[in-house]
């Protein structure tokens, strides 16, 4: 009844959902493990704010930041969350850091 949800289909599913949600809710968005910055940059025009963090800086970040106004920061999630002002709020957080369940639980 339902198609097999392989990794490519799963990726496209959540990108489509995030597009819809951000256009509808205009959230403050955080992506933990933003990689090259493509998803954060893609969603930024529909968000009040869009921030991506990753431990590796990518050359594509400059282009996404200049074009979309997103913030891309080189930092690990433990340090980032410790550094946040307690008043900082996000409406949507995508946790995709090191893909390890222990770290996802900590980030959550």
PDB file of N, CA and C in Angstrom:
ATOM      1  N   UNK A   1       0.816  -1.195   0.000  1.00  0.00           N
ATOM      2  CA  UNK A   1       0.000   0.000   0.000  1.00  0.00           C
ATOM      3  C   UNK A   1       0.864   1.265   0.000  1.00  0.00           C
ATOM      4  N   UNK A   2       1.899   1.286   0.834  1.00  0.00           N
ATOM      5  CA  UNK A   2       2.784   2.437   0.886  1.00  0.00           C
ATOM      6  C   UNK A   2       4.115   2.092   0.242  1.00  0.00           C
ATOM      7  N   UNK A   3       4.725   3.064  -0.450  1.00  0.00           N
ATOM      8  CA  UNK A   3       6.026   2.765  -1.051  1.00  0.00           C
ATOM      9  C   UNK A   3       7.087   2.591   0.031  1.00  0.00           C
ATOM     10  N   UNK A   4       8.109   1.838  -0.297  1.00  0.00           N
ATOM     11  CA  UNK A   4       9.232   1.652   0.620  1.00  0.00           C
ATOM     12  C   UNK A   4       9.869   3.015   0.883  1.00  0.00           C
ATOM     13  N   UNK A   5      10.112   3.317   2.142  1.00  0.00           N
ATOM     14  CA  UNK A   5      10.682   4.612   2.493  1.00  0.00           C
ATOM     15  C   UNK A   5      12.193   4.451   2.661  1.00  0.00           C
ATOM     16  N   UNK A   6      12.896   4.465   1.530  1.00  0.00           N
ATOM     17  CA  UNK A   6      14.350   4.388   1.593  1.00  0.00           C
ATOM     18  C   UNK A   6      14.901   5.768   1.969  1.00  0.00           C
ATOM     19  N   UNK A   7      16.203   5.879   2.113  1.00  0.00           N
ATOM     20  CA  UNK A   7      16.786   7.131   2.603  1.00  0.00           C
ATOM     21  C   UNK A   7      16.537   8.303   1.660  1.00  0.00           C
ATOM     22  N   UNK A   8      16.552   8.081   0.362  1.00  0.00           N
ATOM     23  CA  UNK A   8      16.288   9.174  -0.581  1.00  0.00           C
ATOM     24  C   UNK A   8      14.852   9.666  -0.457  1.00  0.00           C
ATOM     25  N   UNK A   9      13.891   8.741  -0.366  1.00  0.00           N
ATOM     26  CA  UNK A   9      12.491   9.135  -0.204  1.00  0.00           C
ATOM     27  C   UNK A   9      12.251   9.788   1.144  1.00  0.00           C
ATOM     28  N   UNK A  10      12.893   9.289   2.176  1.00  0.00           N
ATOM     29  CA  UNK A  10      12.738   9.887   3.506  1.00  0.00           C
ATOM     30  C   UNK A  10      13.262  11.312   3.495  1.00  0.00           C
ATOM     31  N   UNK A  11      14.416  11.537   2.881  1.00  0.00           N
ATOM     32  CA  UNK A  11      14.994  12.876   2.803  1.00  0.00           C
ATOM     33  C   UNK A  11      14.050  13.824   2.084  1.00  0.00           C
ATOM     34  N   UNK A  12      13.502  13.393   0.968  1.00  0.00           N
ATOM     35  CA  UNK A  12      12.585  14.250   0.217  1.00  0.00           C
ATOM     36  C   UNK A  12      11.300  14.498   1.003  1.00  0.00           C
ATOM     37  N   UNK A  13      10.831  13.499   1.758  1.00  0.00           N
ATOM     38  CA  UNK A  13       9.632  13.672   2.570  1.00  0.00           C
ATOM     39  C   UNK A  13       9.834  14.763   3.616  1.00  0.00           C
ATOM     40  N   UNK A  14      10.935  14.712   4.379  1.00  0.00           N
ATOM     41  CA  UNK A  14      11.074  15.719   5.423  1.00  0.00           C
ATOM     42  C   UNK A  14      11.391  17.087   4.840  1.00  0.00           C
ATOM     43  N   UNK A  15      12.096  17.160   3.708  1.00  0.00           N
ATOM     44  CA  UNK A  15      12.317  18.468   3.074  1.00  0.00           C
ATOM     45  C   UNK A  15      10.983  19.083   2.646  1.00  0.00           C
ATOM     46  N   UNK A  16      10.105  18.282   2.077  1.00  0.00           N
ATOM     47  CA  UNK A  16       8.788  18.768   1.660  1.00  0.00           C
ATOM     48  C   UNK A  16       7.972  19.214   2.861  1.00  0.00           C
ATOM     49  N   UNK A  17       8.009  18.424   3.941  1.00  0.00           N
ATOM     50  CA  UNK A  17       7.287  18.806   5.152  1.00  0.00           C
ATOM     51  C   UNK A  17       7.839  20.100   5.728  1.00  0.00           C
ATOM     52  N   UNK A  18       9.161  20.232   5.820  1.00  0.00           N
ATOM     53  CA  UNK A  18       9.754  21.453   6.375  1.00  0.00           C
ATOM     54  C   UNK A  18       9.409  22.665   5.518  1.00  0.00           C
ATOM     55  N   UNK A  19       9.432  22.517   4.189  1.00  0.00           N
ATOM     56  CA  UNK A  19       9.025  23.621   3.310  1.00  0.00           C
ATOM     57  C   UNK A  19       7.610  24.072   3.657  1.00  0.00           C
ATOM     58  N   UNK A  20       6.697  23.117   3.709  1.00  0.00           N
ATOM     59  CA  UNK A  20       5.304  23.439   4.010  1.00  0.00           C
ATOM     60  C   UNK A  20       5.181  24.099   5.390  1.00  0.00           C
ATOM     61  N   UNK A  21       5.793  23.487   6.388  1.00  0.00           N
ATOM     62  CA  UNK A  21       5.664  24.000   7.750  1.00  0.00           C
ATOM     63  C   UNK A  21       6.223  25.417   7.865  1.00  0.00           C
ATOM     64  N   UNK A  22       7.378  25.673   7.289  1.00  0.00           N
ATOM     65  CA  UNK A  22       7.993  26.995   7.401  1.00  0.00           C
ATOM     66  C   UNK A  22       7.186  28.052   6.657  1.00  0.00           C
ATOM     67  N   UNK A  23       6.624  27.702   5.516  1.00  0.00           N
ATOM     68  CA  UNK A  23       5.770  28.650   4.793  1.00  0.00           C
ATOM     69  C   UNK A  23       4.501  28.940   5.582  1.00  0.00           C
ATOM     70  N   UNK A  24       4.007  27.961   6.291  1.00  0.00           N
ATOM     71  CA  UNK A  24       2.782  28.116   7.070  1.00  0.00           C
ATOM     72  C   UNK A  24       3.029  28.828   8.405  1.00  0.00           C
ATOM     73  N   UNK A  25       4.073  28.444   9.130  1.00  0.00           N
ATOM     74  CA  UNK A  25       4.249  28.909  10.513  1.00  0.00           C
ATOM     75  C   UNK A  25       5.265  30.032  10.685  1.00  0.00           C
ATOM     76  N   UNK A  26       6.127  30.277   9.691  1.00  0.00           N
ATOM     77  CA  UNK A  26       7.163  31.299   9.796  1.00  0.00           C
ATOM     78  C   UNK A  26       7.931  31.180  11.122  1.00  0.00           C
ATOM     79  N   UNK A  27       8.561  30.030  11.355  1.00  0.00           N
ATOM     80  CA  UNK A  27       9.164  29.750  12.657  1.00  0.00           C
ATOM     81  C   UNK A  27      10.564  30.332  12.826  1.00  0.00           C
ATOM     82  N   UNK A  28      11.033  30.285  14.056  1.00  0.00           N
ATOM     83  CA  UNK A  28      12.456  30.404  14.359  1.00  0.00           C
ATOM     84  C   UNK A  28      12.979  28.979  14.226  1.00  0.00           C
ATOM     85  N   UNK A  29      13.913  28.766  13.289  1.00  0.00           N
ATOM     86  CA  UNK A  29      14.360  27.423  12.912  1.00  0.00           C
ATOM     87  C   UNK A  29      15.814  27.210  13.292  1.00  0.00           C
ATOM     88  N   UNK A  30      16.119  26.034  13.838  1.00  0.00           N
ATOM     89  CA  UNK A  30      17.482  25.622  14.139  1.00  0.00           C
ATOM     90  C   UNK A  30      17.721  24.252  13.529  1.00  0.00           C
ATOM     91  N   UNK A  31      18.850  24.125  12.841  1.00  0.00           N
ATOM     92  CA  UNK A  31      19.251  22.824  12.316  1.00  0.00           C
ATOM     93  C   UNK A  31      20.569  22.426  12.965  1.00  0.00           C
ATOM     94  N   UNK A  32      20.551  21.325  13.686  1.00  0.00           N
ATOM     95  CA  UNK A  32      21.743  20.778  14.331  1.00  0.00           C
ATOM     96  C   UNK A  32      22.361  19.777  13.359  1.00  0.00           C
ATOM     97  N   UNK A  33      23.537  20.111  12.849  1.00  0.00           N
ATOM     98  CA  UNK A  33      24.173  19.278  11.832  1.00  0.00           C
ATOM     99  C   UNK A  33      23.716  19.700  10.454  1.00  0.00           C
ATOM    100  N   UNK A  34      23.984  20.948  10.091  1.00  0.00           N
ATOM    101  CA  UNK A  34      23.448  21.498   8.841  1.00  0.00           C
ATOM    102  C   UNK A  34      24.287  21.166   7.622  1.00  0.00           C
ATOM    103  N   UNK A  35      25.423  20.512   7.806  1.00  0.00           N
ATOM    104  CA  UNK A  35      26.249  20.138   6.657  1.00  0.00           C
ATOM    105  C   UNK A  35      26.587  21.335   5.792  1.00  0.00           C
ATOM    106  N   UNK A  36      26.341  21.221   4.510  1.00  0.00           N
ATOM    107  CA  UNK A  36      26.691  22.292   3.579  1.00  0.00           C
ATOM    108  C   UNK A  36      25.765  23.501   3.671  1.00  0.00           C
ATOM    109  N   UNK A  37      24.685  23.398   4.438  1.00  0.00           N
ATOM    110  CA  UNK A  37      23.792  24.534   4.664  1.00  0.00           C
ATOM    111  C   UNK A  37      22.611  24.626   3.726  1.00  0.00           C
ATOM    112  N   UNK A  38      22.444  23.637   2.864  1.00  0.00           N
ATOM    113  CA  UNK A  38      21.390  23.703   1.856  1.00  0.00           C
ATOM    114  C   UNK A  38      19.983  23.758   2.409  1.00  0.00           C
ATOM    115  N   UNK A  39      19.672  22.929   3.400  1.00  0.00           N
ATOM    116  CA  UNK A  39      18.313  22.939   3.943  1.00  0.00           C
ATOM    117  C   UNK A  39      18.058  24.219   4.737  1.00  0.00           C
ATOM    118  N   UNK A  40      19.004  24.628   5.554  1.00  0.00           N
ATOM    119  CA  UNK A  40      18.843  25.873   6.310  1.00  0.00           C
ATOM    120  C   UNK A  40      18.666  27.042   5.355  1.00  0.00           C
ATOM    121  N   UNK A  41      19.485  27.089   4.317  1.00  0.00           N
ATOM    122  CA  UNK A  41      19.359  28.152   3.324  1.00  0.00           C
ATOM    123  C   UNK A  41      18.048  28.090   2.566  1.00  0.00           C
ATOM    124  N   UNK A  42      17.598  26.905   2.254  1.00  0.00           N
ATOM    125  CA  UNK A  42      16.332  26.715   1.531  1.00  0.00           C
ATOM    126  C   UNK A  42      15.144  27.209   2.353  1.00  0.00           C
ATOM    127  N   UNK A  43      15.188  26.975   3.675  1.00  0.00           N
ATOM    128  CA  UNK A  43      14.067  27.341   4.531  1.00  0.00           C
ATOM    129  C   UNK A  43      14.120  28.789   5.008  1.00  0.00           C
ATOM    130  N   UNK A  44      15.292  29.390   5.023  1.00  0.00           N
ATOM    131  CA  UNK A  44      15.477  30.726   5.593  1.00  0.00           C
ATOM    132  C   UNK A  44      14.485  31.780   5.096  1.00  0.00           C
ATOM    133  N   UNK A  45      14.171  31.847   3.800  1.00  0.00           N
ATOM    134  CA  UNK A  45      13.236  32.880   3.353  1.00  0.00           C
ATOM    135  C   UNK A  45      11.837  32.757   3.967  1.00  0.00           C
ATOM    136  N   UNK A  46      11.509  31.607   4.514  1.00  0.00           N
ATOM    137  CA  UNK A  46      10.181  31.374   5.084  1.00  0.00           C
ATOM    138  C   UNK A  46      10.196  31.371   6.614  1.00  0.00           C
ATOM    139  N   UNK A  47      11.328  31.729   7.198  1.00  0.00           N
ATOM    140  CA  UNK A  47      11.482  31.678   8.655  1.00  0.00           C
ATOM    141  C   UNK A  47      11.742  33.061   9.230  1.00  0.00           C
ATOM    142  N   UNK A  48      11.287  33.272  10.458  1.00  0.00           N
ATOM    143  CA  UNK A  48      11.655  34.496  11.176  1.00  0.00           C
ATOM    144  C   UNK A  48      13.155  34.545  11.346  1.00  0.00           C
ATOM    145  N   UNK A  49      13.739  33.396  11.655  1.00  0.00           N
ATOM    146  CA  UNK A  49      15.190  33.250  11.725  1.00  0.00           C
ATOM    147  C   UNK A  49      15.523  31.807  11.378  1.00  0.00           C
ATOM    148  N   UNK A  50      16.684  31.613  10.774  1.00  0.00           N
ATOM    149  CA  UNK A  50      17.145  30.271  10.423  1.00  0.00           C
ATOM    150  C   UNK A  50      18.618  30.172  10.775  1.00  0.00           C
ATOM    151  N   UNK A  51      18.917  29.241  11.663  1.00  0.00           N
ATOM    152  CA  UNK A  51      20.285  29.042  12.125  1.00  0.00           C
ATOM    153  C   UNK A  51      20.666  27.591  11.912  1.00  0.00           C
ATOM    154  N   UNK A  52      21.845  27.378  11.382  1.00  0.00           N
ATOM    155  CA  UNK A  52      22.391  26.040  11.228  1.00  0.00           C
ATOM    156  C   UNK A  52      23.717  25.949  11.945  1.00  0.00           C
ATOM    157  N   UNK A  53      23.942  24.848  12.633  1.00  0.00           N
ATOM    158  CA  UNK A  53      25.226  24.637  13.288  1.00  0.00           C
ATOM    159  C   UNK A  53      25.835  23.336  12.786  1.00  0.00           C
ATOM    160  N   UNK A  54      27.149  23.316  12.717  1.00  0.00           N
ATOM    161  CA  UNK A  54      27.867  22.126  12.296  1.00  0.00           C
ATOM    162  C   UNK A  54      29.305  22.260  12.777  1.00  0.00           C
ATOM    163  N   UNK A  55      29.976  21.136  12.969  1.00  0.00           N
ATOM    164  CA  UNK A  55      31.360  21.197  13.426  1.00  0.00           C
ATOM    165  C   UNK A  55      32.334  21.424  12.276  1.00  0.00           C
ATOM    166  N   UNK A  56      31.868  21.325  11.045  1.00  0.00           N
ATOM    167  CA  UNK A  56      32.710  21.521   9.876  1.00  0.00           C
ATOM    168  C   UNK A  56      32.206  22.710   9.071  1.00  0.00           C
ATOM    169  N   UNK A  57      33.045  23.704   8.826  1.00  0.00           N
ATOM    170  CA  UNK A  57      32.621  24.810   7.953  1.00  0.00           C
ATOM    171  C   UNK A  57      32.686  24.374   6.489  1.00  0.00           C
ATOM    172  N   UNK A  58      31.760  24.834   5.695  1.00  0.00           N
ATOM    173  CA  UNK A  58      31.724  24.503   4.273  1.00  0.00           C
ATOM    174  C   UNK A  58      31.803  25.786   3.460  1.00  0.00           C
ATOM    175  N   UNK A  59      32.416  25.715   2.294  1.00  0.00           N
ATOM    176  CA  UNK A  59      32.529  26.894   1.430  1.00  0.00           C
ATOM    177  C   UNK A  59      31.163  27.402   0.990  1.00  0.00           C
ATOM    178  N   UNK A  60      30.185  26.520   0.898  1.00  0.00           N
ATOM    179  CA  UNK A  60      28.845  26.926   0.448  1.00  0.00           C
ATOM    180  C   UNK A  60      28.154  27.841   1.456  1.00  0.00           C
ATOM    181  N   UNK A  61      28.618  27.866   2.692  1.00  0.00           N
ATOM    182  CA  UNK A  61      27.952  28.677   3.713  1.00  0.00           C
ATOM    183  C   UNK A  61      27.905  30.153   3.347  1.00  0.00           C
ATOM    184  N   UNK A  62      28.995  30.679   2.829  1.00  0.00           N
ATOM    185  CA  UNK A  62      29.017  32.106   2.492  1.00  0.00           C
ATOM    186  C   UNK A  62      27.913  32.451   1.506  1.00  0.00           C
ATOM    187  N   UNK A  63      27.724  31.599   0.517  1.00  0.00           N
ATOM    188  CA  UNK A  63      26.695  31.844  -0.490  1.00  0.00           C
ATOM    189  C   UNK A  63      25.296  31.786   0.121  1.00  0.00           C
ATOM    190  N   UNK A  64      25.025  30.784   0.933  1.00  0.00           N
ATOM    191  CA  UNK A  64      23.700  30.666   1.553  1.00  0.00           C
ATOM    192  C   UNK A  64      23.427  31.833   2.496  1.00  0.00           C
ATOM    193  N   UNK A  65      24.419  32.205   3.276  1.00  0.00           N
ATOM    194  CA  UNK A  65      24.221  33.313   4.215  1.00  0.00           C
ATOM    195  C   UNK A  65      23.972  34.630   3.477  1.00  0.00           C
ATOM    196  N   UNK A  66      24.744  34.878   2.422  1.00  0.00           N
ATOM    197  CA  UNK A  66      24.578  36.114   1.656  1.00  0.00           C
ATOM    198  C   UNK A  66      23.240  36.153   0.930  1.00  0.00           C
ATOM    199  N   UNK A  67      22.827  35.025   0.380  1.00  0.00           N
ATOM    200  CA  UNK A  67      21.606  34.982  -0.432  1.00  0.00           C
ATOM    201  C   UNK A  67      20.332  34.918   0.397  1.00  0.00           C
ATOM    202  N   UNK A  68      20.379  34.225   1.540  1.00  0.00           N
ATOM    203  CA  UNK A  68      19.138  33.970   2.268  1.00  0.00           C
ATOM    204  C   UNK A  68      19.065  34.623   3.641  1.00  0.00           C
ATOM    205  N   UNK A  69      20.192  35.067   4.177  1.00  0.00           N
ATOM    206  CA  UNK A  69      20.181  35.679   5.500  1.00  0.00           C
ATOM    207  C   UNK A  69      20.219  34.687   6.649  1.00  0.00           C
ATOM    208  N   UNK A  70      20.401  33.409   6.345  1.00  0.00           N
ATOM    209  CA  UNK A  70      20.506  32.438   7.435  1.00  0.00           C
ATOM    210  C   UNK A  70      21.847  32.623   8.151  1.00  0.00           C
ATOM    211  N   UNK A  71      21.925  32.082   9.370  1.00  0.00           N
ATOM    212  CA  UNK A  71      23.184  32.083  10.122  1.00  0.00           C
ATOM    213  C   UNK A  71      23.698  30.662  10.159  1.00  0.00           C
ATOM    214  N   UNK A  72      24.953  30.487   9.787  1.00  0.00           N
ATOM    215  CA  UNK A  72      25.582  29.175   9.833  1.00  0.00           C
ATOM    216  C   UNK A  72      26.816  29.308  10.721  1.00  0.00           C
ATOM    217  N   UNK A  73      26.885  28.480  11.757  1.00  0.00           N
ATOM    218  CA  UNK A  73      27.884  28.627  12.805  1.00  0.00           C
ATOM    219  C   UNK A  73      28.678  27.338  12.960  1.00  0.00           C
ATOM    220  N   UNK A  74      30.002  27.479  13.059  1.00  0.00           N
ATOM    221  CA  UNK A  74      30.877  26.334  13.307  1.00  0.00           C
ATOM    222  C   UNK A  74      30.945  26.133  14.821  1.00  0.00           C
ATOM    223  N   UNK A  75      30.267  25.096  15.297  1.00  0.00           N
ATOM    224  CA  UNK A  75      30.234  24.798  16.728  1.00  0.00           C
ATOM    225  C   UNK A  75      29.590  23.422  16.903  1.00  0.00           C
ATOM    226  N   UNK A  76      29.953  22.716  17.957  1.00  0.00           N
ATOM    227  CA  UNK A  76      29.235  21.461  18.213  1.00  0.00           C
ATOM    228  C   UNK A  76      27.980  21.771  19.028  1.00  0.00           C
ATOM    229  N   UNK A  77      27.046  20.870  18.998  1.00  0.00           N
ATOM    230  CA  UNK A  77      25.741  21.145  19.609  1.00  0.00           C
ATOM    231  C   UNK A  77      25.833  21.323  21.119  1.00  0.00           C
ATOM    232  N   UNK A  78      26.689  20.577  21.779  1.00  0.00           N
ATOM    233  CA  UNK A  78      26.826  20.741  23.235  1.00  0.00           C
ATOM    234  C   UNK A  78      27.254  22.166  23.577  1.00  0.00           C
ATOM    235  N   UNK A  79      28.257  22.666  22.867  1.00  0.00           N
ATOM    236  CA  UNK A  79      28.721  24.036  23.107  1.00  0.00           C
ATOM    237  C   UNK A  79      27.652  25.059  22.735  1.00  0.00           C
ATOM    238  N   UNK A  80      26.964  24.822  21.620  1.00  0.00           N
ATOM    239  CA  UNK A  80      25.939  25.771  21.180  1.00  0.00           C
ATOM    240  C   UNK A  80      24.831  25.901  22.224  1.00  0.00           C
ATOM    241  N   UNK A  81      24.309  24.779  22.692  1.00  0.00           N
ATOM    242  CA  UNK A  81      23.212  24.850  23.650  1.00  0.00           C
ATOM    243  C   UNK A  81      23.659  25.454  24.974  1.00  0.00           C
ATOM    244  N   UNK A  82      24.901  25.205  25.382  1.00  0.00           N
ATOM    245  CA  UNK A  82      25.423  25.829  26.607  1.00  0.00           C
ATOM    246  C   UNK A  82      25.536  27.338  26.454  1.00  0.00           C
ATOM    247  N   UNK A  83      25.832  27.813  25.238  1.00  0.00           N
ATOM    248  CA  UNK A  83      26.054  29.237  25.002  1.00  0.00           C
ATOM    249  C   UNK A  83      24.769  30.039  24.815  1.00  0.00           C
ATOM    250  N   UNK A  84      23.644  29.371  24.655  1.00  0.00           N
ATOM    251  CA  UNK A  84      22.389  30.079  24.375  1.00  0.00           C
ATOM    252  C   UNK A  84      21.889  30.873  25.565  1.00  0.00           C
ATOM    253  N   UNK A  85      21.359  32.026  25.271  1.00  0.00           N
ATOM    254  CA  UNK A  85      20.643  32.805  26.267  1.00  0.00           C
ATOM    255  C   UNK A  85      19.399  31.994  26.647  1.00  0.00           C
ATOM    256  N   UNK A  86      19.082  31.903  27.937  1.00  0.00           N
ATOM    257  CA  UNK A  86      17.909  31.114  28.349  1.00  0.00           C
ATOM    258  C   UNK A  86      16.593  31.578  27.716  1.00  0.00           C
ATOM    259  N   UNK A  87      16.571  32.807  27.229  1.00  0.00           N
ATOM    260  CA  UNK A  87      15.359  33.333  26.597  1.00  0.00           C
ATOM    261  C   UNK A  87      15.230  32.930  25.124  1.00  0.00           C
ATOM    262  N   UNK A  88      16.260  32.337  24.555  1.00  0.00           N
ATOM    263  CA  UNK A  88      16.225  31.933  23.146  1.00  0.00           C
ATOM    264  C   UNK A  88      15.209  30.819  22.960  1.00  0.00           C
ATOM    265  N   UNK A  89      14.346  30.998  21.994  1.00  0.00           N
ATOM    266  CA  UNK A  89      13.314  30.003  21.694  1.00  0.00           C
ATOM    267  C   UNK A  89      13.359  29.650  20.215  1.00  0.00           C
ATOM    268  N   UNK A  90      13.157  28.383  19.923  1.00  0.00           N
ATOM    269  CA  UNK A  90      13.015  27.904  18.546  1.00  0.00           C
ATOM    270  C   UNK A  90      11.667  27.212  18.433  1.00  0.00           C
ATOM    271  N   UNK A  91      11.028  27.412  17.287  1.00  0.00           N
ATOM    272  CA  UNK A  91       9.744  26.764  17.025  1.00  0.00           C
ATOM    273  C   UNK A  91       9.926  25.411  16.348  1.00  0.00           C
ATOM    274  N   UNK A  92      11.021  25.258  15.622  1.00  0.00           N
ATOM    275  CA  UNK A  92      11.292  24.025  14.893  1.00  0.00           C
ATOM    276  C   UNK A  92      12.786  23.750  14.957  1.00  0.00           C
ATOM    277  N   UNK A  93      13.146  22.585  15.457  1.00  0.00           N
ATOM    278  CA  UNK A  93      14.552  22.171  15.527  1.00  0.00           C
ATOM    279  C   UNK A  93      14.679  20.828  14.824  1.00  0.00           C
ATOM    280  N   UNK A  94      15.587  20.794  13.865  1.00  0.00           N
ATOM    281  CA  UNK A  94      15.882  19.553  13.163  1.00  0.00           C
ATOM    282  C   UNK A  94      17.221  19.050  13.695  1.00  0.00           C
ATOM    283  N   UNK A  95      17.200  17.917  14.379  1.00  0.00           N
ATOM    284  CA  UNK A  95      18.403  17.350  14.984  1.00  0.00           C
ATOM    285  C   UNK A  95      18.953  16.285  14.045  1.00  0.00           C
ATOM    286  N   UNK A  96      20.113  16.595  13.459  1.00  0.00           N
ATOM    287  CA  UNK A  96      20.727  15.689  12.489  1.00  0.00           C
ATOM    288  C   UNK A  96      22.242  15.784  12.609  1.00  0.00           C
ATOM    289  N   UNK A  97      22.745  15.906  13.837  1.00  0.00           N
ATOM    290  CA  UNK A  97      24.168  16.114  14.062  1.00  0.00           C
ATOM    291  C   UNK A  97      25.037  14.957  13.630  1.00  0.00           C
ATOM    292  N   UNK A  98      25.511  14.189  14.576  1.00  0.00           N
ATOM    293  CA  UNK A  98      26.456  13.121  14.228  1.00  0.00           C
ATOM    294  C   UNK A  98      25.778  11.781  13.958  1.00  0.00           C
ATOM    295  N   UNK A  99      24.458  11.760  13.886  1.00  0.00           N
ATOM    296  CA  UNK A  99      23.681  10.565  13.541  1.00  0.00           C
ATOM    297  C   UNK A  99      23.810   9.441  14.573  1.00  0.00           C
ATOM    298  N   UNK A 100      24.186   9.778  15.782  1.00  0.00           N
ATOM    299  CA  UNK A 100      24.316   8.791  16.851  1.00  0.00           C
ATOM    300  C   UNK A 100      23.165   9.005  17.837  1.00  0.00           C
ATOM    301  N   UNK A 101      22.494   7.935  18.212  1.00  0.00           N
ATOM    302  CA  UNK A 101      21.306   8.059  19.057  1.00  0.00           C
ATOM    303  C   UNK A 101      21.617   8.704  20.405  1.00  0.00           C
ATOM    304  N   UNK A 102      22.782   8.442  20.972  1.00  0.00           N
ATOM    305  CA  UNK A 102      23.130   9.059  22.257  1.00  0.00           C
ATOM    306  C   UNK A 102      23.193  10.577  22.131  1.00  0.00           C
ATOM    307  N   UNK A 103      23.814  11.080  21.057  1.00  0.00           N
ATOM    308  CA  UNK A 103      23.927  12.527  20.883  1.00  0.00           C
ATOM    309  C   UNK A 103      22.580  13.149  20.532  1.00  0.00           C
ATOM    310  N   UNK A 104      21.764  12.455  19.769  1.00  0.00           N
ATOM    311  CA  UNK A 104      20.421  12.962  19.471  1.00  0.00           C
ATOM    312  C   UNK A 104      19.644  13.134  20.778  1.00  0.00           C
ATOM    313  N   UNK A 105      19.748  12.188  21.683  1.00  0.00           N
ATOM    314  CA  UNK A 105      19.053  12.277  22.984  1.00  0.00           C
ATOM    315  C   UNK A 105      19.569  13.479  23.774  1.00  0.00           C
ATOM    316  N   UNK A 106      20.866  13.720  23.748  1.00  0.00           N
ATOM    317  CA  UNK A 106      21.429  14.877  24.451  1.00  0.00           C
ATOM    318  C   UNK A 106      20.924  16.171  23.815  1.00  0.00           C
ATOM    319  N   UNK A 107      20.945  16.252  22.486  1.00  0.00           N
ATOM    320  CA  UNK A 107      20.485  17.442  21.805  1.00  0.00           C
ATOM    321  C   UNK A 107      19.000  17.703  22.072  1.00  0.00           C
ATOM    322  N   UNK A 108      18.231  16.624  22.119  1.00  0.00           N
ATOM    323  CA  UNK A 108      16.804  16.775  22.382  1.00  0.00           C
ATOM    324  C   UNK A 108      16.584  17.319  23.785  1.00  0.00           C
TER     325      UNK A 108
END
